[in-house]
Amino acid sequence: MMAATGNPRERASIRVVVADDSALFREGMRAMLTQAGFEVTGLVPDAASLLKVVADSEPDVAITDIRMPPTLTSEGLDAAKRIRAEHPSVGVLVLSTYVEADFAEALLKDSDGRSGYLLKDRVADLDELTDAIRRIARGGVVIDPAVVAELLSRRRPRDPAHDLSDREREVLRLMAEGRSNQAIGDRLFLSPRTVEAHVRSIFTKLGLSPAAEDHRRVLAVLAFLGN
């Protein structure tokens, strides 16, 4: 099968594959995503099949449960990390029934973008799900707010973000959820210029030298979450 080409923003719809061992969940996702205007190019029941369909079709985003057959442990996460390593243009969205912060950290540690981790409860909110997929397809990072809260509650011997102001921490918390500067401004009632100033200050305080904006945002999030 011919690999997909072109930027997902330039095509009529974002191409998505879904991996989950529940046929009911897969079909439900197909119906929801199709209704929202996405092109669902594959539905598979296990990680091995996911890797094959991604290699064959190069979708924009691969969605997978963490716990997949045969052992129902971390096959989905392992597949997601392999997809990011072998197919950099393919984004991955990992779903989990419970808050598993260690898995979220493992996914993000080797990521320079195009990655996300959401609780399955979020799937019921079509707007939130589709927004996450679009942000990942554009190269962003999406982390479930419940996972962010769990990571921030952990005690760490050294907090790399201890020099940040309270407002900068609020901005970085929303960055960790994958929010754009515009969305952060809307949430905190700040002007775009003010948000940009906070983001620049965050990069400086975390010692992130000039680089691609998206990459620095990921590095800032990882520093904030204690990686």
Protein backbone atom coordinates (compact mmCIF):
# COMPACT_ATOMS: atom_id res chain seq x y z
CA MET A 1 0.00 0.00 0.00
CA MET A 2 1.33 3.45 -0.86
CA ALA A 3 2.40 5.61 2.07
CA ALA A 4 0.46 8.78 2.76
CA THR A 5 2.06 12.02 1.68
CA GLY A 6 1.61 15.66 2.46
CA ASN A 7 0.84 17.63 5.58
CA PRO A 8 -2.33 16.46 7.39
CA ARG A 9 -3.51 20.09 7.51
CA GLU A 10 -3.42 20.18 3.71
CA ARG A 11 -5.58 17.07 3.23
CA ALA A 12 -9.35 16.94 3.52
CA SER A 13 -9.17 14.80 6.66
CA ILE A 14 -6.70 13.40 9.17
CA ARG A 15 -6.02 9.69 8.71
CA VAL A 16 -6.28 7.60 11.89
CA VAL A 17 -5.82 3.96 12.88
CA VAL A 18 -7.24 2.51 16.10
CA ALA A 19 -5.87 -0.43 18.10
CA ASP A 20 -7.85 -1.97 20.95
CA ASP A 21 -8.67 -5.54 21.92
CA SER A 22 -12.37 -4.67 22.31
CA ALA A 23 -14.26 -4.88 19.01
CA LEU A 24 -17.05 -2.78 20.50
CA PHE A 25 -14.62 -0.01 21.45
CA ARG A 26 -12.97 -0.07 18.02
CA GLU A 27 -16.28 0.23 16.21
CA GLY A 28 -17.43 2.96 18.56
CA MET A 29 -14.25 4.92 17.85
CA ARG A 30 -14.73 4.43 14.12
CA ALA A 31 -18.27 5.85 14.31
CA MET A 32 -17.26 8.82 16.46
CA LEU A 33 -14.19 9.75 14.43
CA THR A 34 -15.94 9.34 11.09
CA GLN A 35 -18.74 11.56 12.32
CA ALA A 36 -16.13 14.16 13.28
CA GLY A 37 -14.61 14.14 9.79
CA PHE A 38 -11.58 11.91 10.32
CA GLU A 39 -10.64 9.11 7.92
CA VAL A 40 -10.33 5.85 9.87
CA THR A 41 -7.98 3.73 7.78
CA GLY A 42 -7.53 0.78 10.12
CA LEU A 43 -9.04 -1.02 13.12
CA VAL A 44 -6.83 -3.69 14.72
CA PRO A 45 -7.03 -5.86 17.87
CA ASP A 46 -3.37 -6.06 18.95
CA ALA A 47 -0.01 -4.30 18.91
CA ALA A 48 1.52 -6.47 16.21
CA SER A 49 -1.32 -5.65 13.83
CA LEU A 50 -0.97 -1.96 14.72
CA LEU A 51 2.70 -1.93 13.77
CA LYS A 52 1.90 -3.59 10.46
CA VAL A 53 -0.91 -1.23 9.48
CA VAL A 54 1.20 1.81 10.41
CA ALA A 55 4.09 0.52 8.30
CA ASP A 56 1.73 -0.13 5.38
CA SER A 57 -0.32 3.07 5.43
CA GLU A 58 1.60 5.74 7.41
CA PRO A 59 -1.48 7.35 9.01
CA ASP A 60 -1.35 10.76 10.61
CA VAL A 61 -2.16 9.43 14.08
CA ALA A 62 -2.22 5.95 15.62
CA ILE A 63 -4.49 5.48 18.64
CA THR A 64 -3.79 2.55 20.94
CA ASP A 65 -4.75 1.19 24.33
CA ILE A 66 -1.77 0.68 26.65
CA ARG A 67 -2.69 -2.87 27.64
CA MET A 68 -2.92 -5.08 24.57
CA PRO A 69 -2.79 -8.83 23.86
CA PRO A 70 -1.15 -11.20 24.43
CA THR A 71 -0.07 -10.21 27.98
CA LEU A 72 -2.30 -7.14 28.47
CA THR A 73 0.59 -5.25 30.05
CA SER A 74 2.47 -2.60 28.06
CA GLU A 75 2.26 -3.85 24.47
CA GLY A 76 0.37 -0.78 23.30
CA LEU A 77 2.86 1.61 24.90
CA ASP A 78 5.79 -0.32 23.46
CA ALA A 79 4.18 -0.18 20.02
CA ALA A 80 3.63 3.57 20.38
CA LYS A 81 7.28 4.17 21.24
CA ARG A 82 8.38 2.02 18.32
CA ILE A 83 6.08 3.91 15.94
CA ARG A 84 7.57 7.24 17.06
CA ALA A 85 11.09 5.86 16.51
CA GLU A 86 10.47 4.22 13.14
CA HIS A 87 7.80 6.52 11.67
CA PRO A 88 8.50 10.07 12.89
CA SER A 89 5.69 11.54 10.81
CA VAL A 90 3.08 9.40 12.58
CA GLY A 91 1.64 10.74 15.82
CA VAL A 92 0.56 8.43 18.63
CA LEU A 93 -2.25 8.77 21.14
CA VAL A 94 -2.12 6.25 23.98
CA LEU A 95 -5.30 5.53 25.94
CA SER A 96 -5.57 4.10 29.42
CA THR A 97 -8.44 3.13 31.69
CA TYR A 98 -6.59 4.30 34.79
CA VAL A 99 -4.03 7.00 35.61
CA GLU A 100 -0.70 5.30 34.97
CA ALA A 101 1.74 8.17 35.33
CA ASP A 102 4.84 6.01 34.87
CA PHE A 103 3.61 4.96 31.42
CA ALA A 104 2.94 8.59 30.51
CA GLU A 105 6.47 9.53 31.50
CA ALA A 106 7.89 6.60 29.52
CA LEU A 107 6.01 7.70 26.41
CA LEU A 108 7.09 11.32 26.66
CA LYS A 109 10.71 10.69 27.61
CA ASP A 110 11.62 9.53 24.10
CA SER A 111 9.28 11.93 22.32
CA ASP A 112 9.96 15.22 20.56
CA GLY A 113 6.26 15.77 19.87
CA ARG A 114 3.35 14.10 18.08
CA SER A 115 2.47 12.16 21.23
CA GLY A 116 -0.41 12.04 23.67
CA TYR A 117 -1.75 10.18 26.68
CA LEU A 118 -5.42 10.34 27.62
CA LEU A 119 -7.72 8.44 29.94
CA LYS A 120 -10.40 6.48 28.12
CA ASP A 121 -13.03 8.52 29.95
CA ARG A 122 -12.01 11.46 27.74
CA VAL A 123 -13.06 9.52 24.64
CA ALA A 124 -16.67 10.14 25.60
CA ASP A 125 -16.09 13.86 25.04
CA LEU A 126 -15.88 14.02 21.25
CA ASP A 127 -14.67 17.62 21.17
CA GLU A 128 -11.84 16.89 23.59
CA LEU A 129 -10.83 13.71 21.76
CA THR A 130 -10.83 15.29 18.31
CA ASP A 131 -8.94 18.35 19.56
CA ALA A 132 -6.26 16.06 21.01
CA ILE A 133 -5.92 14.13 17.74
CA ARG A 134 -5.60 17.33 15.70
CA ARG A 135 -2.98 18.76 18.04
CA ILE A 136 -0.95 15.55 17.89
CA ALA A 137 -1.20 15.48 14.07
CA ARG A 138 0.20 19.02 14.03
CA GLY A 139 3.19 17.94 16.11
CA GLY A 140 1.97 18.76 19.60
CA VAL A 141 1.96 16.90 22.91
CA VAL A 142 -1.24 16.12 24.82
CA ILE A 143 -1.30 14.86 28.41
CA ASP A 144 -4.48 14.08 30.32
CA PRO A 145 -5.06 16.64 33.10
CA ALA A 146 -5.51 13.81 35.62
CA VAL A 147 -2.09 12.43 34.68
CA VAL A 148 -0.53 15.90 34.98
CA ALA A 149 -2.03 16.23 38.47
CA GLU A 150 -0.64 12.83 39.49
CA LEU A 151 2.84 13.67 38.22
CA LEU A 152 2.85 17.04 39.95
CA SER A 153 1.80 15.48 43.26
CA ARG A 154 4.90 13.32 43.43
CA ARG A 155 7.67 14.37 45.76
CA ARG A 156 10.95 15.02 43.97
CA PRO A 157 14.31 15.67 45.65
CA ARG A 158 14.94 18.53 43.23
CA ASP A 159 12.29 20.52 41.42
CA PRO A 160 13.69 21.83 38.11
CA ALA A 161 10.89 24.37 38.01
CA HIS A 162 11.42 25.83 41.51
CA ASP A 163 12.44 29.22 40.07
CA LEU A 164 9.16 29.67 38.20
CA SER A 165 6.57 32.11 39.44
CA ASP A 166 3.07 30.92 40.30
CA ARG A 167 1.75 32.35 37.02
CA GLU A 168 4.55 30.65 35.04
CA ARG A 169 3.66 27.37 36.71
CA GLU A 170 0.05 27.83 35.63
CA VAL A 171 1.18 28.50 32.06
CA LEU A 172 3.48 25.46 32.09
CA ARG A 173 0.75 23.26 33.56
CA LEU A 174 -1.44 24.13 30.57
CA MET A 175 1.49 23.59 28.20
CA ALA A 176 1.75 20.11 29.73
CA GLU A 177 -1.84 19.51 28.67
CA GLY A 178 -0.85 20.42 25.10
CA ARG A 179 -2.55 23.82 25.03
CA SER A 180 -1.44 26.43 22.51
CA ASN A 181 -0.50 29.96 23.57
CA GLN A 182 -3.90 31.17 22.39
CA ALA A 183 -5.71 28.51 24.44
CA ILE A 184 -3.58 29.31 27.49
CA GLY A 185 -4.43 33.00 27.15
CA ASP A 186 -8.14 32.20 26.86
CA ARG A 187 -8.02 29.97 29.93
CA LEU A 188 -6.05 32.42 32.11
CA PHE A 189 -7.54 35.62 30.67
CA LEU A 190 -4.15 36.80 29.43
CA SER A 191 -3.23 38.57 26.21
CA PRO A 192 -1.21 36.64 23.59
CA ARG A 193 1.77 38.95 24.22
CA THR A 194 1.66 38.23 27.96
CA VAL A 195 1.53 34.47 27.38
CA GLU A 196 4.47 34.70 24.98
CA ALA A 197 6.45 36.60 27.61
CA HIS A 198 5.71 33.92 30.22
CA VAL A 199 6.72 31.17 27.82
CA ARG A 200 10.01 32.92 27.02
CA SER A 201 10.69 33.32 30.73
CA ILE A 202 9.95 29.64 31.34
CA PHE A 203 12.41 28.60 28.63
CA THR A 204 15.07 30.88 30.11
CA LYS A 205 14.59 29.70 33.70
CA LEU A 206 14.66 26.05 32.64
CA GLY A 207 17.86 26.65 30.67
CA LEU A 208 16.39 25.72 27.30
CA SER A 209 18.57 27.21 24.59
CA PRO A 210 17.09 28.48 21.31
CA ALA A 211 15.65 25.64 19.22
CA ALA A 212 12.45 24.78 17.42
CA GLU A 213 9.52 26.17 19.44
CA ASP A 214 7.61 22.88 19.56
CA HIS A 215 10.70 20.99 20.72
CA ARG A 216 11.39 23.48 23.50
CA ARG A 217 7.79 23.21 24.68
CA VAL A 218 8.20 19.43 25.00
CA LEU A 219 11.49 19.83 26.88
CA ALA A 220 9.88 22.35 29.23
CA VAL A 221 7.01 19.97 29.95
CA LEU A 222 9.42 17.11 30.63
CA ALA A 223 11.46 19.29 33.01
CA PHE A 224 8.28 20.33 34.79
CA LEU A 225 7.12 16.75 35.22
CA GLY A 226 10.43 15.69 36.67
CA ASN A 227 12.08 13.74 33.81
